[in-house]
mmCIF file of all heavy atoms, coordinates in Angstrom:
data_MODEL
# 
_entry.id   MODEL 
# 
loop_
_atom_site.group_PDB 
_atom_site.id 
_atom_site.type_symbol 
_atom_site.label_atom_id 
_atom_site.label_alt_id 
_atom_site.label_comp_id 
_atom_site.label_asym_id 
_atom_site.label_entity_id 
_atom_site.label_seq_id 
_atom_site.pdbx_PDB_ins_code 
_atom_site.Cartn_x 
_atom_site.Cartn_y 
_atom_site.Cartn_z 
_atom_site.occupancy 
_atom_site.B_iso_or_equiv 
_atom_site.pdbx_formal_charge 
_atom_site.auth_seq_id 
_atom_site.auth_comp_id 
_atom_site.auth_asym_id 
_atom_site.auth_atom_id 
_atom_site.pdbx_PDB_model_num 
ATOM 1   N N   . GLU A 1 1  ? 103.274 152.257 94.222 1.00 0.00 ? 1  GLU A N   1 
ATOM 2   C CA  . GLU A 1 1  ? 104.176 152.050 93.101 1.00 0.00 ? 1  GLU A CA  1 
ATOM 3   C C   . GLU A 1 1  ? 104.676 150.639 93.012 1.00 0.00 ? 1  GLU A C   1 
ATOM 4   O O   . GLU A 1 1  ? 104.932 150.090 91.997 1.00 0.00 ? 1  GLU A O   1 
ATOM 5   C CB  . GLU A 1 1  ? 105.362 153.072 93.185 1.00 0.00 ? 1  GLU A CB  1 
ATOM 6   C CG  . GLU A 1 1  ? 104.955 154.529 92.876 1.00 0.00 ? 1  GLU A CG  1 
ATOM 7   C CD  . GLU A 1 1  ? 106.079 155.435 93.278 1.00 0.00 ? 1  GLU A CD  1 
ATOM 8   O OE1 . GLU A 1 1  ? 106.790 155.201 94.210 1.00 0.00 ? 1  GLU A OE1 1 
ATOM 9   O OE2 . GLU A 1 1  ? 106.176 156.454 92.536 1.00 0.00 ? 1  GLU A OE2 1 
ATOM 10  N N   . ILE A 1 2  ? 104.667 149.955 94.172 1.00 0.00 ? 2  ILE A N   1 
ATOM 11  C CA  . ILE A 1 2  ? 105.199 148.601 94.173 1.00 0.00 ? 2  ILE A CA  1 
ATOM 12  C C   . ILE A 1 2  ? 104.181 147.647 93.634 1.00 0.00 ? 2  ILE A C   1 
ATOM 13  O O   . ILE A 1 2  ? 104.471 146.656 92.989 1.00 0.00 ? 2  ILE A O   1 
ATOM 14  C CB  . ILE A 1 2  ? 105.541 148.138 95.627 1.00 0.00 ? 2  ILE A CB  1 
ATOM 15  C CG1 . ILE A 1 2  ? 106.822 148.985 96.083 1.00 0.00 ? 2  ILE A CG1 1 
ATOM 16  C CG2 . ILE A 1 2  ? 105.817 146.677 95.661 1.00 0.00 ? 2  ILE A CG2 1 
ATOM 17  C CD1 . ILE A 1 2  ? 107.117 148.681 97.547 1.00 0.00 ? 2  ILE A CD1 1 
ATOM 18  N N   . ALA A 1 3  ? 102.884 147.984 93.802 1.00 0.00 ? 3  ALA A N   1 
ATOM 19  C CA  . ALA A 1 3  ? 101.797 147.054 93.422 1.00 0.00 ? 3  ALA A CA  1 
ATOM 20  C C   . ALA A 1 3  ? 101.885 146.424 92.005 1.00 0.00 ? 3  ALA A C   1 
ATOM 21  O O   . ALA A 1 3  ? 101.702 145.217 91.950 1.00 0.00 ? 3  ALA A O   1 
ATOM 22  C CB  . ALA A 1 3  ? 100.450 147.777 93.670 1.00 0.00 ? 3  ALA A CB  1 
ATOM 23  N N   . PRO A 1 4  ? 102.160 147.216 91.003 1.00 0.00 ? 4  PRO A N   1 
ATOM 24  C CA  . PRO A 1 4  ? 102.125 146.598 89.634 1.00 0.00 ? 4  PRO A CA  1 
ATOM 25  C C   . PRO A 1 4  ? 103.266 145.558 89.538 1.00 0.00 ? 4  PRO A C   1 
ATOM 26  O O   . PRO A 1 4  ? 103.225 144.698 88.553 1.00 0.00 ? 4  PRO A O   1 
ATOM 27  C CB  . PRO A 1 4  ? 102.500 147.786 88.738 1.00 0.00 ? 4  PRO A CB  1 
ATOM 28  C CG  . PRO A 1 4  ? 102.039 148.933 89.436 1.00 0.00 ? 4  PRO A CG  1 
ATOM 29  C CD  . PRO A 1 4  ? 102.324 148.602 90.873 1.00 0.00 ? 4  PRO A CD  1 
ATOM 30  N N   . VAL A 1 5  ? 104.275 145.545 90.350 1.00 0.00 ? 5  VAL A N   1 
ATOM 31  C CA  . VAL A 1 5  ? 105.354 144.430 90.196 1.00 0.00 ? 5  VAL A CA  1 
ATOM 32  C C   . VAL A 1 5  ? 104.878 143.054 90.508 1.00 0.00 ? 5  VAL A C   1 
ATOM 33  O O   . VAL A 1 5  ? 105.158 142.073 89.953 1.00 0.00 ? 5  VAL A O   1 
ATOM 34  C CB  . VAL A 1 5  ? 106.579 144.807 91.119 1.00 0.00 ? 5  VAL A CB  1 
ATOM 35  C CG1 . VAL A 1 5  ? 107.619 143.745 91.073 1.00 0.00 ? 5  VAL A CG1 1 
ATOM 36  C CG2 . VAL A 1 5  ? 107.066 146.170 90.716 1.00 0.00 ? 5  VAL A CG2 1 
ATOM 37  N N   . VAL A 1 6  ? 103.928 142.909 91.470 1.00 0.00 ? 6  VAL A N   1 
ATOM 38  C CA  . VAL A 1 6  ? 103.592 141.638 92.047 1.00 0.00 ? 6  VAL A CA  1 
ATOM 39  C C   . VAL A 1 6  ? 102.598 140.813 91.165 1.00 0.00 ? 6  VAL A C   1 
ATOM 40  O O   . VAL A 1 6  ? 102.828 139.632 91.026 1.00 0.00 ? 6  VAL A O   1 
ATOM 41  C CB  . VAL A 1 6  ? 102.944 141.816 93.430 1.00 0.00 ? 6  VAL A CB  1 
ATOM 42  C CG1 . VAL A 1 6  ? 102.569 140.411 94.010 1.00 0.00 ? 6  VAL A CG1 1 
ATOM 43  C CG2 . VAL A 1 6  ? 103.954 142.566 94.341 1.00 0.00 ? 6  VAL A CG2 1 
ATOM 44  N N   . PRO A 1 7  ? 101.630 141.389 90.487 1.00 0.00 ? 7  PRO A N   1 
ATOM 45  C CA  . PRO A 1 7  ? 100.553 140.540 89.903 1.00 0.00 ? 7  PRO A CA  1 
ATOM 46  C C   . PRO A 1 7  ? 101.002 139.946 88.556 1.00 0.00 ? 7  PRO A C   1 
ATOM 47  O O   . PRO A 1 7  ? 100.073 139.636 87.795 1.00 0.00 ? 7  PRO A O   1 
ATOM 48  C CB  . PRO A 1 7  ? 99.449  141.526 89.775 1.00 0.00 ? 7  PRO A CB  1 
ATOM 49  C CG  . PRO A 1 7  ? 100.094 142.800 89.437 1.00 0.00 ? 7  PRO A CG  1 
ATOM 50  C CD  . PRO A 1 7  ? 101.308 142.837 90.229 1.00 0.00 ? 7  PRO A CD  1 
ATOM 51  N N   . LYS A 1 8  ? 102.229 139.723 88.250 1.00 0.00 ? 8  LYS A N   1 
ATOM 52  C CA  . LYS A 1 8  ? 102.580 139.193 86.995 1.00 0.00 ? 8  LYS A CA  1 
ATOM 53  C C   . LYS A 1 8  ? 101.965 137.826 86.637 1.00 0.00 ? 8  LYS A C   1 
ATOM 54  O O   . LYS A 1 8  ? 101.691 137.473 85.550 1.00 0.00 ? 8  LYS A O   1 
ATOM 55  C CB  . LYS A 1 8  ? 104.119 139.077 86.881 1.00 0.00 ? 8  LYS A CB  1 
ATOM 56  C CG  . LYS A 1 8  ? 104.758 140.337 86.521 1.00 0.00 ? 8  LYS A CG  1 
ATOM 57  C CD  . LYS A 1 8  ? 104.501 140.837 85.168 1.00 0.00 ? 8  LYS A CD  1 
ATOM 58  C CE  . LYS A 1 8  ? 105.098 142.158 84.853 1.00 0.00 ? 8  LYS A CE  1 
ATOM 59  N NZ  . LYS A 1 8  ? 104.861 142.593 83.469 1.00 0.00 ? 8  LYS A NZ  1 
ATOM 60  N N   . ASN A 1 9  ? 101.700 137.022 87.761 1.00 0.00 ? 9  ASN A N   1 
ATOM 61  C CA  . ASN A 1 9  ? 101.175 135.702 87.509 1.00 0.00 ? 9  ASN A CA  1 
ATOM 62  C C   . ASN A 1 9  ? 99.736  135.678 87.903 1.00 0.00 ? 9  ASN A C   1 
ATOM 63  O O   . ASN A 1 9  ? 99.112  134.585 88.141 1.00 0.00 ? 9  ASN A O   1 
ATOM 64  C CB  . ASN A 1 9  ? 101.960 134.649 88.329 1.00 0.00 ? 9  ASN A CB  1 
ATOM 65  C CG  . ASN A 1 9  ? 103.401 134.561 87.923 1.00 0.00 ? 9  ASN A CG  1 
ATOM 66  O OD1 . ASN A 1 9  ? 103.638 134.584 86.645 1.00 0.00 ? 9  ASN A OD1 1 
ATOM 67  N ND2 . ASN A 1 9  ? 104.313 134.487 88.878 1.00 0.00 ? 9  ASN A ND2 1 
ATOM 68  N N   . LYS A 1 10 ? 99.030  136.854 87.999 1.00 0.00 ? 10 LYS A N   1 
ATOM 69  C CA  . LYS A 1 10 ? 97.646  136.860 88.482 1.00 0.00 ? 10 LYS A CA  1 
ATOM 70  C C   . LYS A 1 10 ? 96.676  136.843 87.290 1.00 0.00 ? 10 LYS A C   1 
ATOM 71  O O   . LYS A 1 10 ? 95.459  136.748 87.556 1.00 0.00 ? 10 LYS A O   1 
ATOM 72  C CB  . LYS A 1 10 ? 97.459  138.152 89.333 1.00 0.00 ? 10 LYS A CB  1 
ATOM 73  C CG  . LYS A 1 10 ? 98.294  138.240 90.599 1.00 0.00 ? 10 LYS A CG  1 
ATOM 74  C CD  . LYS A 1 10 ? 97.883  137.233 91.556 1.00 0.00 ? 10 LYS A CD  1 
ATOM 75  C CE  . LYS A 1 10 ? 98.673  137.506 92.863 1.00 0.00 ? 10 LYS A CE  1 
ATOM 76  N NZ  . LYS A 1 10 ? 98.277  136.463 93.892 1.00 0.00 ? 10 LYS A NZ  1 
ATOM 77  N N   . LYS A 1 11 ? 97.155  136.992 86.085 1.00 0.00 ? 11 LYS A N   1 
ATOM 78  C CA  . LYS A 1 11 ? 96.269  136.909 84.961 1.00 0.00 ? 11 LYS A CA  1 
ATOM 79  C C   . LYS A 1 11 ? 95.536  135.657 84.877 1.00 0.00 ? 11 LYS A C   1 
ATOM 80  O O   . LYS A 1 11 ? 96.035  134.560 85.095 1.00 0.00 ? 11 LYS A O   1 
ATOM 81  C CB  . LYS A 1 11 ? 96.968  137.107 83.588 1.00 0.00 ? 11 LYS A CB  1 
ATOM 82  C CG  . LYS A 1 11 ? 97.542  138.589 83.508 1.00 0.00 ? 11 LYS A CG  1 
ATOM 83  C CD  . LYS A 1 11 ? 96.470  139.429 82.882 1.00 0.00 ? 11 LYS A CD  1 
ATOM 84  C CE  . LYS A 1 11 ? 97.066  140.807 82.578 1.00 0.00 ? 11 LYS A CE  1 
ATOM 85  N NZ  . LYS A 1 11 ? 96.055  141.713 82.065 1.00 0.00 ? 11 LYS A NZ  1 
ATOM 86  N N   . GLN A 1 12 ? 94.177  135.707 84.579 1.00 0.00 ? 12 GLN A N   1 
ATOM 87  C CA  . GLN A 1 12 ? 93.413  134.577 84.394 1.00 0.00 ? 12 GLN A CA  1 
ATOM 88  C C   . GLN A 1 12 ? 93.156  134.412 82.950 1.00 0.00 ? 12 GLN A C   1 
ATOM 89  O O   . GLN A 1 12 ? 92.567  135.209 82.283 1.00 0.00 ? 12 GLN A O   1 
ATOM 90  C CB  . GLN A 1 12 ? 92.021  134.750 85.124 1.00 0.00 ? 12 GLN A CB  1 
ATOM 91  C CG  . GLN A 1 12 ? 92.130  134.912 86.586 1.00 0.00 ? 12 GLN A CG  1 
ATOM 92  C CD  . GLN A 1 12 ? 92.727  133.683 87.242 1.00 0.00 ? 12 GLN A CD  1 
ATOM 93  O OE1 . GLN A 1 12 ? 92.362  132.560 86.947 1.00 0.00 ? 12 GLN A OE1 1 
ATOM 94  N NE2 . GLN A 1 12 ? 93.667  133.837 88.169 1.00 0.00 ? 12 GLN A NE2 1 
ATOM 95  N N   . TYR A 1 13 ? 93.601  133.260 82.343 1.00 0.00 ? 13 TYR A N   1 
ATOM 96  C CA  . TYR A 1 13 ? 93.609  133.044 80.966 1.00 0.00 ? 13 TYR A CA  1 
ATOM 97  C C   . TYR A 1 13 ? 92.371  132.255 80.597 1.00 0.00 ? 13 TYR A C   1 
ATOM 98  O O   . TYR A 1 13 ? 91.857  131.365 81.341 1.00 0.00 ? 13 TYR A O   1 
ATOM 99  C CB  . TYR A 1 13 ? 94.815  132.362 80.454 1.00 0.00 ? 13 TYR A CB  1 
ATOM 100 C CG  . TYR A 1 13 ? 96.118  133.080 80.689 1.00 0.00 ? 13 TYR A CG  1 
ATOM 101 C CD1 . TYR A 1 13 ? 96.921  132.720 81.757 1.00 0.00 ? 13 TYR A CD1 1 
ATOM 102 C CD2 . TYR A 1 13 ? 96.404  134.192 79.944 1.00 0.00 ? 13 TYR A CD2 1 
ATOM 103 C CE1 . TYR A 1 13 ? 98.082  133.420 81.941 1.00 0.00 ? 13 TYR A CE1 1 
ATOM 104 C CE2 . TYR A 1 13 ? 97.599  134.960 80.206 1.00 0.00 ? 13 TYR A CE2 1 
ATOM 105 C CZ  . TYR A 1 13 ? 98.417  134.570 81.215 1.00 0.00 ? 13 TYR A CZ  1 
ATOM 106 O OH  . TYR A 1 13 ? 99.545  135.271 81.476 1.00 0.00 ? 13 TYR A OH  1 
ATOM 107 N N   . ASP A 1 14 ? 91.864  132.581 79.445 1.00 0.00 ? 14 ASP A N   1 
ATOM 108 C CA  . ASP A 1 14 ? 90.604  131.863 78.978 1.00 0.00 ? 14 ASP A CA  1 
ATOM 109 C C   . ASP A 1 14 ? 90.940  131.489 77.466 1.00 0.00 ? 14 ASP A C   1 
ATOM 110 O O   . ASP A 1 14 ? 90.532  132.149 76.601 1.00 0.00 ? 14 ASP A O   1 
ATOM 111 C CB  . ASP A 1 14 ? 89.351  132.718 79.051 1.00 0.00 ? 14 ASP A CB  1 
ATOM 112 C CG  . ASP A 1 14 ? 88.113  132.053 78.513 1.00 0.00 ? 14 ASP A CG  1 
ATOM 113 O OD1 . ASP A 1 14 ? 88.215  130.785 78.307 1.00 0.00 ? 14 ASP A OD1 1 
ATOM 114 O OD2 . ASP A 1 14 ? 87.081  132.735 78.320 1.00 0.00 ? 14 ASP A OD2 1 
ATOM 115 N N   . ILE A 1 15 ? 91.626  130.321 77.390 1.00 0.00 ? 15 ILE A N   1 
ATOM 116 C CA  . ILE A 1 15 ? 92.126  129.879 76.074 1.00 0.00 ? 15 ILE A CA  1 
ATOM 117 C C   . ILE A 1 15 ? 92.080  128.388 75.965 1.00 0.00 ? 15 ILE A C   1 
ATOM 118 O O   . ILE A 1 15 ? 92.383  127.700 76.928 1.00 0.00 ? 15 ILE A O   1 
ATOM 119 C CB  . ILE A 1 15 ? 93.546  130.433 75.728 1.00 0.00 ? 15 ILE A CB  1 
ATOM 120 C CG1 . ILE A 1 15 ? 94.022  129.908 74.367 1.00 0.00 ? 15 ILE A CG1 1 
ATOM 121 C CG2 . ILE A 1 15 ? 94.595  129.967 76.853 1.00 0.00 ? 15 ILE A CG2 1 
ATOM 122 C CD1 . ILE A 1 15 ? 95.265  130.503 73.966 1.00 0.00 ? 15 ILE A CD1 1 
ATOM 123 N N   . SER A 1 16 ? 91.563  127.856 74.860 1.00 0.00 ? 16 SER A N   1 
ATOM 124 C CA  . SER A 1 16 ? 91.426  126.428 74.691 1.00 0.00 ? 16 SER A CA  1 
ATOM 125 C C   . SER A 1 16 ? 91.462  126.106 73.180 1.00 0.00 ? 16 SER A C   1 
ATOM 126 O O   . SER A 1 16 ? 91.022  127.012 72.405 1.00 0.00 ? 16 SER A O   1 
ATOM 127 C CB  . SER A 1 16 ? 90.279  125.844 75.366 1.00 0.00 ? 16 SER A CB  1 
ATOM 128 O OG  . SER A 1 16 ? 89.009  126.385 74.832 1.00 0.00 ? 16 SER A OG  1 
ATOM 129 N N   . VAL A 1 17 ? 91.803  124.886 72.823 1.00 0.00 ? 17 VAL A N   1 
ATOM 130 C CA  . VAL A 1 17 ? 91.679  124.390 71.498 1.00 0.00 ? 17 VAL A CA  1 
ATOM 131 C C   . VAL A 1 17 ? 90.308  123.948 71.254 1.00 0.00 ? 17 VAL A C   1 
ATOM 132 O O   . VAL A 1 17 ? 89.748  123.248 72.036 1.00 0.00 ? 17 VAL A O   1 
ATOM 133 C CB  . VAL A 1 17 ? 92.746  123.305 71.247 1.00 0.00 ? 17 VAL A CB  1 
ATOM 134 C CG1 . VAL A 1 17 ? 92.511  122.663 69.819 1.00 0.00 ? 17 VAL A CG1 1 
ATOM 135 C CG2 . VAL A 1 17 ? 94.137  123.786 71.360 1.00 0.00 ? 17 VAL A CG2 1 
ATOM 136 N N   . VAL A 1 18 ? 89.683  124.392 70.114 1.00 0.00 ? 18 VAL A N   1 
ATOM 137 C CA  . VAL A 1 18 ? 88.282  123.848 69.834 1.00 0.00 ? 18 VAL A CA  1 
ATOM 138 C C   . VAL A 1 18 ? 88.442  122.463 69.444 1.00 0.00 ? 18 VAL A C   1 
ATOM 139 O O   . VAL A 1 18 ? 89.248  122.025 68.664 1.00 0.00 ? 18 VAL A O   1 
ATOM 140 C CB  . VAL A 1 18 ? 87.831  124.691 68.612 1.00 0.00 ? 18 VAL A CB  1 
ATOM 141 C CG1 . VAL A 1 18 ? 86.456  124.184 68.133 1.00 0.00 ? 18 VAL A CG1 1 
ATOM 142 C CG2 . VAL A 1 18 ? 87.717  126.211 68.925 1.00 0.00 ? 18 VAL A CG2 1 
ATOM 143 N N   . PRO A 1 19 ? 87.650  121.571 70.119 1.00 0.00 ? 19 PRO A N   1 
ATOM 144 C CA  . PRO A 1 19 ? 87.741  120.141 69.963 1.00 0.00 ? 19 PRO A CA  1 
ATOM 145 C C   . PRO A 1 19 ? 87.558  119.816 68.391 1.00 0.00 ? 19 PRO A C   1 
ATOM 146 O O   . PRO A 1 19 ? 86.770  120.397 67.730 1.00 0.00 ? 19 PRO A O   1 
ATOM 147 C CB  . PRO A 1 19 ? 86.565  119.610 70.744 1.00 0.00 ? 19 PRO A CB  1 
ATOM 148 C CG  . PRO A 1 19 ? 86.372  120.597 71.825 1.00 0.00 ? 19 PRO A CG  1 
ATOM 149 C CD  . PRO A 1 19 ? 86.623  122.002 71.177 1.00 0.00 ? 19 PRO A CD  1 
ATOM 150 N N   . GLY A 1 20 ? 88.375  118.866 67.946 1.00 0.00 ? 20 GLY A N   1 
ATOM 151 C CA  . GLY A 1 20 ? 88.297  118.338 66.607 1.00 0.00 ? 20 GLY A CA  1 
ATOM 152 C C   . GLY A 1 20 ? 88.927  119.212 65.576 1.00 0.00 ? 20 GLY A C   1 
ATOM 153 O O   . GLY A 1 20 ? 88.850  118.951 64.407 1.00 0.00 ? 20 GLY A O   1 
ATOM 154 N N   . THR A 1 21 ? 89.795  120.232 65.983 1.00 0.00 ? 21 THR A N   1 
ATOM 155 C CA  . THR A 1 21 ? 90.337  121.075 65.038 1.00 0.00 ? 21 THR A CA  1 
ATOM 156 C C   . THR A 1 21 ? 91.899  120.945 64.947 1.00 0.00 ? 21 THR A C   1 
ATOM 157 O O   . THR A 1 21 ? 92.663  121.554 64.176 1.00 0.00 ? 21 THR A O   1 
ATOM 158 C CB  . THR A 1 21 ? 90.076  122.594 65.249 1.00 0.00 ? 21 THR A CB  1 
ATOM 159 O OG1 . THR A 1 21 ? 90.697  122.977 66.533 1.00 0.00 ? 21 THR A OG1 1 
ATOM 160 C CG2 . THR A 1 21 ? 88.587  122.842 65.302 1.00 0.00 ? 21 THR A CG2 1 
ATOM 161 N N   . ASP A 1 22 ? 92.515  120.129 65.887 1.00 0.00 ? 22 ASP A N   1 
ATOM 162 C CA  . ASP A 1 22 ? 93.927  119.940 66.012 1.00 0.00 ? 22 ASP A CA  1 
ATOM 163 C C   . ASP A 1 22 ? 94.186  118.471 65.737 1.00 0.00 ? 22 ASP A C   1 
ATOM 164 O O   . ASP A 1 22 ? 93.746  117.631 66.572 1.00 0.00 ? 22 ASP A O   1 
ATOM 165 C CB  . ASP A 1 22 ? 94.460  120.389 67.287 1.00 0.00 ? 22 ASP A CB  1 
ATOM 166 C CG  . ASP A 1 22 ? 95.959  120.404 67.386 1.00 0.00 ? 22 ASP A CG  1 
ATOM 167 O OD1 . ASP A 1 22 ? 96.621  119.774 66.571 1.00 0.00 ? 22 ASP A OD1 1 
ATOM 168 O OD2 . ASP A 1 22 ? 96.489  121.157 68.305 1.00 0.00 ? 22 ASP A OD2 1 
ATOM 169 N N   . VAL A 1 23 ? 95.086  118.100 64.832 1.00 0.00 ? 23 VAL A N   1 
ATOM 170 C CA  . VAL A 1 23 ? 95.399  116.724 64.489 1.00 0.00 ? 23 VAL A CA  1 
ATOM 171 C C   . VAL A 1 23 ? 96.365  116.123 65.501 1.00 0.00 ? 23 VAL A C   1 
ATOM 172 O O   . VAL A 1 23 ? 96.571  114.880 65.501 1.00 0.00 ? 23 VAL A O   1 
ATOM 173 C CB  . VAL A 1 23 ? 95.950  116.619 63.075 1.00 0.00 ? 23 VAL A CB  1 
ATOM 174 C CG1 . VAL A 1 23 ? 97.367  117.044 62.951 1.00 0.00 ? 23 VAL A CG1 1 
ATOM 175 C CG2 . VAL A 1 23 ? 95.866  115.162 62.623 1.00 0.00 ? 23 VAL A CG2 1 
ATOM 176 N N   . THR A 1 24 ? 96.955  116.947 66.319 1.00 0.00 ? 24 THR A N   1 
ATOM 177 C CA  . THR A 1 24 ? 97.969  116.412 67.327 1.00 0.00 ? 24 THR A CA  1 
ATOM 178 C C   . THR A 1 24 ? 97.480  115.286 68.141 1.00 0.00 ? 24 THR A C   1 
ATOM 179 O O   . THR A 1 24 ? 96.385  115.406 68.787 1.00 0.00 ? 24 THR A O   1 
ATOM 180 C CB  . THR A 1 24 ? 98.452  117.555 68.213 1.00 0.00 ? 24 THR A CB  1 
ATOM 181 O OG1 . THR A 1 24 ? 98.911  118.696 67.422 1.00 0.00 ? 24 THR A OG1 1 
ATOM 182 C CG2 . THR A 1 24 ? 99.556  117.111 69.111 1.00 0.00 ? 24 THR A CG2 1 
ATOM 183 N N   . GLY A 1 25 ? 98.224  114.206 68.047 1.00 0.00 ? 25 GLY A N   1 
ATOM 184 C CA  . GLY A 1 25 ? 97.730  112.985 68.866 1.00 0.00 ? 25 GLY A CA  1 
ATOM 185 C C   . GLY A 1 25 ? 96.580  112.131 68.191 1.00 0.00 ? 25 GLY A C   1 
ATOM 186 O O   . GLY A 1 25 ? 96.194  111.172 68.730 1.00 0.00 ? 25 GLY A O   1 
ATOM 187 N N   . GLU A 1 26 ? 96.160  112.562 67.045 1.00 0.00 ? 26 GLU A N   1 
ATOM 188 C CA  . GLU A 1 26 ? 94.967  112.017 66.366 1.00 0.00 ? 26 GLU A CA  1 
ATOM 189 C C   . GLU A 1 26 ? 95.294  111.481 64.973 1.00 0.00 ? 26 GLU A C   1 
ATOM 190 O O   . GLU A 1 26 ? 94.429  110.950 64.314 1.00 0.00 ? 26 GLU A O   1 
ATOM 191 C CB  . GLU A 1 26 ? 93.816  113.005 66.232 1.00 0.00 ? 26 GLU A CB  1 
ATOM 192 C CG  . GLU A 1 26 ? 93.349  113.658 67.530 1.00 0.00 ? 26 GLU A CG  1 
ATOM 193 C CD  . GLU A 1 26 ? 92.631  112.573 68.384 1.00 0.00 ? 26 GLU A CD  1 
ATOM 194 O OE1 . GLU A 1 26 ? 92.137  111.579 67.893 1.00 0.00 ? 26 GLU A OE1 1 
ATOM 195 O OE2 . GLU A 1 26 ? 92.724  112.722 69.689 1.00 0.00 ? 26 GLU A OE2 1 
ATOM 196 N N   . SER A 1 27 ? 96.553  111.571 64.544 1.00 0.00 ? 27 SER A N   1 
ATOM 197 C CA  . SER A 1 27 ? 96.939  111.156 63.217 1.00 0.00 ? 27 SER A CA  1 
ATOM 198 C C   . SER A 1 27 ? 96.881  109.577 63.129 1.00 0.00 ? 27 SER A C   1 
ATOM 199 O O   . SER A 1 27 ? 97.608  108.936 63.945 1.00 0.00 ? 27 SER A O   1 
ATOM 200 C CB  . SER A 1 27 ? 98.301  111.764 62.798 1.00 0.00 ? 27 SER A CB  1 
ATOM 201 O OG  . SER A 1 27 ? 98.608  111.329 61.540 1.00 0.00 ? 27 SER A OG  1 
ATOM 202 N N   . THR A 1 28 ? 96.233  109.085 62.184 1.00 0.00 ? 28 THR A N   1 
ATOM 203 C CA  . THR A 1 28 ? 96.130  107.610 61.993 1.00 0.00 ? 28 THR A CA  1 
ATOM 204 C C   . THR A 1 28 ? 96.343  107.214 60.590 1.00 0.00 ? 28 THR A C   1 
ATOM 205 O O   . THR A 1 28 ? 96.409  105.985 60.299 1.00 0.00 ? 28 THR A O   1 
ATOM 206 C CB  . THR A 1 28 ? 94.724  107.113 62.376 1.00 0.00 ? 28 THR A CB  1 
ATOM 207 O OG1 . THR A 1 28 ? 93.721  107.741 61.570 1.00 0.00 ? 28 THR A OG1 1 
ATOM 208 C CG2 . THR A 1 28 ? 94.401  107.467 63.822 1.00 0.00 ? 28 THR A CG2 1 
ATOM 209 N N   . CYS A 1 29 ? 96.537  108.175 59.658 1.00 0.00 ? 29 CYS A N   1 
ATOM 210 C CA  . CYS A 1 29 ? 96.622  107.746 58.235 1.00 0.00 ? 29 CYS A CA  1 
ATOM 211 C C   . CYS A 1 29 ? 97.891  106.982 57.872 1.00 0.00 ? 29 CYS A C   1 
ATOM 212 O O   . CYS A 1 29 ? 99.007  107.255 58.439 1.00 0.00 ? 29 CYS A O   1 
ATOM 213 C CB  . CYS A 1 29 ? 96.498  109.010 57.371 1.00 0.00 ? 29 CYS A CB  1 
ATOM 214 S SG  . CYS A 1 29 ? 97.877  110.096 57.426 1.00 0.00 ? 29 CYS A SG  1 
# 
């Protein structure tokens, strides 16, 4: 019963911004 408490930070995320789709840091106009 204790086991589910521990792995809160064990998730492996697979998320990223697709290159060229976010203007953040790229605005020049």
